[in-house]
C-alpha atoms as a PDB file:
ATOM      1  CA  MET A   1      74.175  43.631  41.598  1.00  0.00           C
ATOM      2  CA  LYS A   2      76.889  45.354  43.499  1.00  0.00           C
ATOM      3  CA  ILE A   3      80.484  44.336  43.288  1.00  0.00           C
ATOM      4  CA  PHE A   4      83.092  45.193  45.597  1.00  0.00           C
ATOM      5  CA  ILE A   5      86.404  43.933  44.719  1.00  0.00           C
ATOM      6  CA  ASP A   6      89.555  44.170  46.808  1.00  0.00           C
ATOM      7  CA  PHE A   7      92.742  45.691  45.077  1.00  0.00           C
ATOM      8  CA  ASP A   8      95.886  43.786  46.538  1.00  0.00           C
ATOM      9  CA  ASP A   9      96.215  40.357  45.139  1.00  0.00           C
ATOM     10  CA  ALA A  10      92.996  40.459  43.400  1.00  0.00           C
ATOM     11  CA  ILE A  11      93.348  43.252  40.871  1.00  0.00           C
ATOM     12  CA  PHE A  12      96.925  43.961  41.575  1.00  0.00           C
ATOM     13  CA  ASN A  13     100.084  41.549  41.593  1.00  0.00           C
ATOM     14  CA  THR A  14     101.135  42.969  44.886  1.00  0.00           C
ATOM     15  CA  LYS A  15     103.732  40.271  45.398  1.00  0.00           C
ATOM     16  CA  LYS A  16     105.679  41.223  42.197  1.00  0.00           C
ATOM     17  CA  PHE A  17     105.142  44.996  42.791  1.00  0.00           C
ATOM     18  CA  LYS A  18     106.887  44.636  46.357  1.00  0.00           C
ATOM     19  CA  GLN A  19     109.642  42.761  44.724  1.00  0.00           C
ATOM     20  CA  ASP A  20     110.478  45.356  42.196  1.00  0.00           C
ATOM     21  CA  LEU A  21     109.942  48.221  44.712  1.00  0.00           C
ATOM     22  CA  ILE A  22     112.543  46.608  46.873  1.00  0.00           C
ATOM     23  CA  GLY A  23     114.796  46.711  43.791  1.00  0.00           C
ATOM     24  CA  ILE A  24     114.471  50.446  43.556  1.00  0.00           C
ATOM     25  CA  PHE A  25     115.235  50.717  47.302  1.00  0.00           C
ATOM     26  CA  LYS A  26     118.571  48.436  46.517  1.00  0.00           C
ATOM     27  CA  ARG A  27     119.722  50.671  43.625  1.00  0.00           C
ATOM     28  CA  HIS A  28     119.827  53.492  46.115  1.00  0.00           C
ATOM     29  CA  GLY A  29     121.655  51.778  48.822  1.00  0.00           C
ATOM     30  CA  VAL A  30     119.128  50.259  50.907  1.00  0.00           C
ATOM     31  CA  THR A  31     119.645  46.401  51.408  1.00  0.00           C
ATOM     32  CA  GLU A  32     116.717  44.078  51.340  1.00  0.00           C
ATOM     33  CA  ARG A  33     116.848  43.557  55.053  1.00  0.00           C
ATOM     34  CA  GLU A  34     116.928  47.259  55.775  1.00  0.00           C
ATOM     35  CA  PHE A  35     113.817  47.693  53.583  1.00  0.00           C
ATOM     36  CA  LYS A  36     111.853  44.727  55.466  1.00  0.00           C
ATOM     37  CA  ASP A  37     112.928  46.083  58.905  1.00  0.00           C
ATOM     38  CA  THR A  38     111.475  49.496  58.105  1.00  0.00           C
ATOM     39  CA  TYR A  39     108.541  48.297  55.940  1.00  0.00           C
ATOM     40  CA  TYR A  40     106.132  48.816  58.923  1.00  0.00           C
ATOM     41  CA  THR A  41     107.269  52.277  60.001  1.00  0.00           C
ATOM     42  CA  PHE A  42     104.329  54.027  61.384  1.00  0.00           C
ATOM     43  CA  SER A  43     103.146  57.206  63.184  1.00  0.00           C
ATOM     44  CA  VAL A  44     101.472  56.842  66.863  1.00  0.00           C
ATOM     45  CA  LYS A  45      98.165  57.896  65.396  1.00  0.00           C
ATOM     46  CA  SER A  46      98.304  54.663  63.082  1.00  0.00           C
ATOM     47  CA  GLN A  47      99.401  52.289  65.935  1.00  0.00           C
ATOM     48  CA  SER A  48      95.852  52.281  67.425  1.00  0.00           C
ATOM     49  CA  GLN A  49      94.468  51.313  63.787  1.00  0.00           C
ATOM     50  CA  GLY A  50      97.013  48.403  63.126  1.00  0.00           C
ATOM     51  CA  ARG A  51     100.048  48.163  60.961  1.00  0.00           C
ATOM     52  CA  HIS A  52      99.917  49.891  57.611  1.00  0.00           C
ATOM     53  CA  TYR A  53     102.803  50.569  55.174  1.00  0.00           C
ATOM     54  CA  ASP A  54     103.520  54.229  54.945  1.00  0.00           C
ATOM     55  CA  LEU A  55     106.038  54.781  52.106  1.00  0.00           C
ATOM     56  CA  ASP A  56     107.134  58.529  53.324  1.00  0.00           C
ATOM     57  CA  LEU A  57     107.524  57.426  56.803  1.00  0.00           C
ATOM     58  CA  GLN A  58     109.905  54.626  55.642  1.00  0.00           C
ATOM     59  CA  ILE A  59     111.941  56.761  53.606  1.00  0.00           C
ATOM     60  CA  LYS A  60     112.228  59.271  56.413  1.00  0.00           C
ATOM     61  CA  ALA A  61     113.531  56.588  58.676  1.00  0.00           C
ATOM     62  CA  LEU A  62     116.052  55.304  56.290  1.00  0.00           C
ATOM     63  CA  GLU A  63     117.262  58.875  55.922  1.00  0.00           C
ATOM     64  CA  GLU A  64     117.879  59.063  59.613  1.00  0.00           C
ATOM     65  CA  SER A  65     119.082  55.555  60.153  1.00  0.00           C
ATOM     66  CA  GLN A  66     121.000  54.869  56.993  1.00  0.00           C
ATOM     67  CA  GLY A  67     121.891  58.144  55.483  1.00  0.00           C
ATOM     68  CA  VAL A  68     119.897  57.296  52.581  1.00  0.00           C
ATOM     69  CA  ASP A  69     119.128  60.087  50.104  1.00  0.00           C
ATOM     70  CA  GLY A  70     115.493  60.460  50.718  1.00  0.00           C
ATOM     71  CA  LYS A  71     114.887  63.109  47.977  1.00  0.00           C
ATOM     72  CA  LYS A  72     116.586  60.916  45.208  1.00  0.00           C
ATOM     73  CA  LEU A  73     114.634  57.753  46.504  1.00  0.00           C
ATOM     74  CA  LYS A  74     111.433  59.403  46.693  1.00  0.00           C
ATOM     75  CA  THR A  75     111.868  60.674  43.171  1.00  0.00           C
ATOM     76  CA  ALA A  76     112.516  57.204  41.865  1.00  0.00           C
ATOM     77  CA  VAL A  77     109.739  55.622  43.478  1.00  0.00           C
ATOM     78  CA  ASP A  78     107.284  58.338  42.449  1.00  0.00           C
ATOM     79  CA  LYS A  79     108.374  57.701  38.771  1.00  0.00           C
ATOM     80  CA  PHE A  80     107.787  53.913  39.310  1.00  0.00           C
ATOM     81  CA  MET A  81     104.317  54.564  40.685  1.00  0.00           C
ATOM     82  CA  ASN A  82     103.302  56.510  37.880  1.00  0.00           C
ATOM     83  CA  ASN A  83     102.752  53.604  35.574  1.00  0.00           C
ATOM     84  CA  LEU A  84     101.609  50.294  37.176  1.00  0.00           C
ATOM     85  CA  ASP A  85      99.402  48.785  34.555  1.00  0.00           C
ATOM     86  CA  ALA A  86     101.983  46.089  34.092  1.00  0.00           C
ATOM     87  CA  TYR A  87     100.901  44.835  37.860  1.00  0.00           C
ATOM     88  CA  VAL A  88      97.256  44.410  36.901  1.00  0.00           C
ATOM     89  CA  PHE A  89      96.404  40.888  36.394  1.00  0.00           C
ATOM     90  CA  PRO A  90      95.362  39.961  32.728  1.00  0.00           C
ATOM     91  CA  ASP A  91      91.896  39.003  33.548  1.00  0.00           C
ATOM     92  CA  VAL A  92      90.921  42.074  35.348  1.00  0.00           C
ATOM     93  CA  LYS A  93      89.806  44.522  32.716  1.00  0.00           C
ATOM     94  CA  LYS A  94      87.898  41.724  30.861  1.00  0.00           C
ATOM     95  CA  PHE A  95      86.060  40.917  33.980  1.00  0.00           C
ATOM     96  CA  LEU A  96      85.257  44.471  34.820  1.00  0.00           C
ATOM     97  CA  GLN A  97      84.033  45.143  31.501  1.00  0.00           C
ATOM     98  CA  LYS A  98      81.166  42.679  31.725  1.00  0.00           C
ATOM     99  CA  PHE A  99      79.514  44.874  34.341  1.00  0.00           C
ATOM    100  CA  SER A 100      78.054  48.459  34.451  1.00  0.00           C
ATOM    101  CA  ARG A 101      80.732  50.697  35.888  1.00  0.00           C
ATOM    102  CA  LYS A 102      78.036  52.222  38.336  1.00  0.00           C
ATOM    103  CA  ASP A 103      77.776  48.853  39.938  1.00  0.00           C
ATOM    104  CA  LEU A 104      81.638  48.336  40.473  1.00  0.00           C
ATOM    105  CA  PHE A 105      83.477  49.567  43.507  1.00  0.00           C
ATOM    106  CA  ILE A 106      87.172  49.013  44.598  1.00  0.00           C
ATOM    107  CA  LEU A 107      87.313  48.558  48.380  1.00  0.00           C
ATOM    108  CA  SER A 108      91.073  48.364  49.548  1.00  0.00           C
ATOM    109  CA  TYR A 109      92.428  47.809  53.021  1.00  0.00           C
ATOM    110  CA  GLY A 110      95.436  49.913  54.028  1.00  0.00           C
ATOM    111  CA  GLN A 111      97.104  53.311  54.218  1.00  0.00           C
ATOM    112  CA  PRO A 112      94.964  55.769  52.190  1.00  0.00           C
ATOM    113  CA  LYS A 113      97.676  57.777  50.677  1.00  0.00           C
ATOM    114  CA  PHE A 114      99.860  54.766  49.533  1.00  0.00           C
ATOM    115  CA  GLN A 115      96.852  52.621  48.448  1.00  0.00           C
ATOM    116  CA  LYS A 116      95.380  55.673  46.237  1.00  0.00           C
ATOM    117  CA  SER A 117      98.776  56.172  44.717  1.00  0.00           C
ATOM    118  CA  LYS A 118      98.903  52.465  43.636  1.00  0.00           C
ATOM    119  CA  ILE A 119      95.236  52.365  42.324  1.00  0.00           C
ATOM    120  CA  ARG A 120      95.948  55.669  40.423  1.00  0.00           C
ATOM    121  CA  GLY A 121      99.270  54.227  38.969  1.00  0.00           C
ATOM    122  CA  THR A 122      97.197  51.446  37.233  1.00  0.00           C
ATOM    123  CA  GLY A 123      94.431  53.753  35.850  1.00  0.00           C
ATOM    124  CA  ILE A 124      91.882  50.923  36.945  1.00  0.00           C
ATOM    125  CA  GLU A 125      89.725  53.510  38.761  1.00  0.00           C
ATOM    126  CA  LYS A 126      88.367  54.627  35.554  1.00  0.00           C
ATOM    127  CA  MET A 127      86.551  51.354  35.330  1.00  0.00           C
ATOM    128  CA  ALA A 128      84.959  51.592  38.735  1.00  0.00           C
ATOM    129  CA  SER A 129      82.129  53.938  40.208  1.00  0.00           C
ATOM    130  CA  ARG A 130      84.044  54.671  43.407  1.00  0.00           C
ATOM    131  CA  ILE A 131      87.097  53.725  45.237  1.00  0.00           C
ATOM    132  CA  PHE A 132      87.045  53.259  49.064  1.00  0.00           C
ATOM    133  CA  ILE A 133      90.242  52.882  51.134  1.00  0.00           C
ATOM    134  CA  THR A 134      89.579  51.591  54.799  1.00  0.00           C
ATOM    135  CA  LYS A 135      91.461  50.331  57.713  1.00  0.00           C
ATOM    136  CA  ARG A 136      88.267  48.603  58.953  1.00  0.00           C
ATOM    137  CA  LYS A 137      86.566  45.307  58.292  1.00  0.00           C
ATOM    138  CA  LYS A 138      85.186  45.531  54.945  1.00  0.00           C
ATOM    139  CA  ILE A 139      81.952  43.897  55.731  1.00  0.00           C
ATOM    140  CA  ASN A 140      81.000  46.893  57.919  1.00  0.00           C
ATOM    141  CA  VAL A 141      81.867  49.496  55.495  1.00  0.00           C
ATOM    142  CA  ILE A 142      79.868  47.896  52.793  1.00  0.00           C
ATOM    143  CA  LEU A 143      76.735  47.668  55.202  1.00  0.00           C
ATOM    144  CA  GLU A 144      77.363  51.436  55.785  1.00  0.00           C
ATOM    145  CA  LEU A 145      77.804  52.131  52.003  1.00  0.00           C
ATOM    146  CA  ALA A 146      74.586  50.198  51.233  1.00  0.00           C
ATOM    147  CA  ARG A 147      72.508  52.335  53.738  1.00  0.00           C
ATOM    148  CA  LYS A 148      74.255  55.570  52.533  1.00  0.00           C
ATOM    149  CA  TYR A 149      73.495  54.868  48.777  1.00  0.00           C
ATOM    150  CA  ALA A 150      70.200  53.016  49.480  1.00  0.00           C
ATOM    151  CA  PHE A 151      70.989  49.852  47.750  1.00  0.00           C
ATOM    152  CA  SER A 152      67.924  47.813  47.082  1.00  0.00           C
ATOM    153  CA  LYS A 153      67.422  44.973  49.375  1.00  0.00           C
ATOM    154  CA  LYS A 154      66.591  42.732  46.363  1.00  0.00           C
ATOM    155  CA  GLU A 155      69.914  43.456  45.025  1.00  0.00           C
ATOM    156  CA  THR A 156      72.897  41.040  45.476  1.00  0.00           C
ATOM    157  CA  ILE A 157      76.053  42.540  47.144  1.00  0.00           C
ATOM    158  CA  LEU A 158      79.167  40.530  46.286  1.00  0.00           C
ATOM    159  CA  LEU A 159      82.588  41.068  48.060  1.00  0.00           C
ATOM    160  CA  ILE A 160      85.523  39.579  46.103  1.00  0.00           C
ATOM    161  CA  ASP A 161      88.726  39.351  48.431  1.00  0.00           C
ATOM    162  CA  ASP A 162      91.773  37.277  48.866  1.00  0.00           C
ATOM    163  CA  HIS A 163      92.014  37.490  52.451  1.00  0.00           C
ATOM    164  CA  PRO A 164      89.981  35.140  54.724  1.00  0.00           C
ATOM    165  CA  ASP A 165      89.855  37.842  57.608  1.00  0.00           C
ATOM    166  CA  GLN A 166      87.468  39.891  55.414  1.00  0.00           C
ATOM    167  CA  PHE A 167      84.803  37.154  55.541  1.00  0.00           C
ATOM    168  CA  GLU A 168      83.511  37.205  59.052  1.00  0.00           C
ATOM    169  CA  LEU A 169      79.996  38.328  58.704  1.00  0.00           C
ATOM    170  CA  SER A 170      77.831  40.107  61.199  1.00  0.00           C
ATOM    171  CA  GLU A 171      74.293  39.033  61.738  1.00  0.00           C
ATOM    172  CA  LYS A 172      73.202  42.017  59.775  1.00  0.00           C
ATOM    173  CA  ALA A 173      75.562  41.042  56.788  1.00  0.00           C
ATOM    174  CA  LYS A 174      74.384  37.293  56.605  1.00  0.00           C
ATOM    175  CA  GLY A 175      71.912  36.957  53.747  1.00  0.00           C
ATOM    176  CA  ARG A 176      72.752  40.554  52.493  1.00  0.00           C
ATOM    177  CA  ILE A 177      76.214  40.029  51.413  1.00  0.00           C
ATOM    178  CA  MET A 178      77.789  37.115  49.341  1.00  0.00           C
ATOM    179  CA  THR A 179      81.459  36.391  49.679  1.00  0.00           C
ATOM    180  CA  LEU A 180      83.864  35.108  47.238  1.00  0.00           C
ATOM    181  CA  HIS A 181      87.358  34.094  48.046  1.00  0.00           C
ATOM    182  CA  LEU A 182      89.731  34.634  45.306  1.00  0.00           C
ATOM    183  CA  CYS A 183      92.746  32.384  45.611  1.00  0.00           C
ATOM    184  CA  ARG A 184      95.161  33.415  42.859  1.00  0.00           C
ATOM    185  CA  LYS A 185      98.447  31.478  42.542  1.00  0.00           C
ATOM    186  CA  GLU A 186     100.223  34.855  42.852  1.00  0.00           C
ATOM    187  CA  GLY A 187      98.265  35.688  46.045  1.00  0.00           C
ATOM    188  CA  ARG A 188     100.236  36.210  49.182  1.00  0.00           C
ATOM    189  CA  TYR A 189      97.366  34.765  51.579  1.00  0.00           C
ATOM    190  CA  ARG A 190      96.314  31.804  49.211  1.00  0.00           C
ATOM    191  CA  ASP A 191      97.406  29.162  51.555  1.00  0.00           C
ATOM    192  CA  LEU A 192      95.609  30.500  54.740  1.00  0.00           C
ATOM    193  CA  PRO A 193      92.561  28.459  55.586  1.00  0.00           C
ATOM    194  CA  CYS A 194      88.990  30.097  54.788  1.00  0.00           C
ATOM    195  CA  GLU A 195      85.831  28.505  56.088  1.00  0.00           C
ATOM    196  CA  ARG A 196      83.746  31.655  56.082  1.00  0.00           C
ATOM    197  CA  ARG A 197      83.115  32.240  52.564  1.00  0.00           C
ATOM    198  CA  ASP A 198      80.198  31.402  50.011  1.00  0.00           C
ATOM    199  CA  TYR A 199      82.351  30.667  46.953  1.00  0.00           C
ATOM    200  CA  VAL A 200      85.908  30.190  46.169  1.00  0.00           C
ATOM    201  CA  THR A 201      87.879  30.435  42.721  1.00  0.00           C
ATOM    202  CA  LYS A 202      91.363  30.955  41.103  1.00  0.00           C
ATOM    203  CA  ASP A 203      90.555  33.836  38.950  1.00  0.00           C
ATOM    204  CA  LEU A 204      88.077  36.512  37.866  1.00  0.00           C
ATOM    205  CA  MET A 205      87.056  34.505  34.948  1.00  0.00           C
ATOM    206  CA  GLY A 206      85.959  31.809  37.543  1.00  0.00           C
ATOM    207  CA  VAL A 207      84.052  34.703  39.470  1.00  0.00           C
ATOM    208  CA  ALA A 208      82.057  35.339  36.124  1.00  0.00           C
ATOM    209  CA  LYS A 209      81.111  31.823  35.815  1.00  0.00           C
ATOM    210  CA  ILE A 210      79.902  31.663  39.474  1.00  0.00           C
ATOM    211  CA  ILE A 211      77.718  35.007  38.817  1.00  0.00           C
ATOM    212  CA  LYS A 212      76.112  33.465  35.803  1.00  0.00           C
ATOM    213  CA  LYS A 213      75.608  29.985  37.323  1.00  0.00           C
ATOM    214  CA  GLU A 214      74.136  31.396  40.467  1.00  0.00           C
ATOM    215  CA  LYS A 215      72.104  33.912  38.526  1.00  0.00           C
ATOM    216  CA  MET A 216      73.071  36.833  40.815  1.00  0.00           C
ATOM    217  CA  HIS A 217      71.521  39.835  39.979  1.00  0.00           C
END
């Protein structure tokens, strides 16, 4: 079995992380409103691919509009990002240890540089075979990777994600990819309706039980 697991809100307490990140900005003279107003500062290039958070562009925007000392703010944020283990949900490592590293993949949606920085700060990448950051639908990425790495068609491919938008299966994906909606109480999207998923649970121990019950292989 190949397991693709989302990072934000599945592995990582993004809601708490964002609150603490705002706290750092506040200590450097940025109000919460100013933070939120510049949260989705993005370049012309990224506009065509949707709204993705870019830390460097946000700091630059605050330098120009609010006179913030960008160098000091960036130094403080970089120090914060170096150790993010506290934001990894308690059940993550226990769950990942149940499976072979070669069968585990982290598939995250967002701006590559910032996402990689968060993942690296947790140290969790050491427990997965590969890390993939995408701005496209994850189902399509998984199908491409299945072809690239020649996954056996007899092998179950499981996508664990918290966002309902990721569960819209193409005809090629139906019967090939199983989808599991992870609805943590801390998740930012837990209240969004989700009809297009095969399974749903509140934590990763629930995922482990489903895998065992359904005898996925």
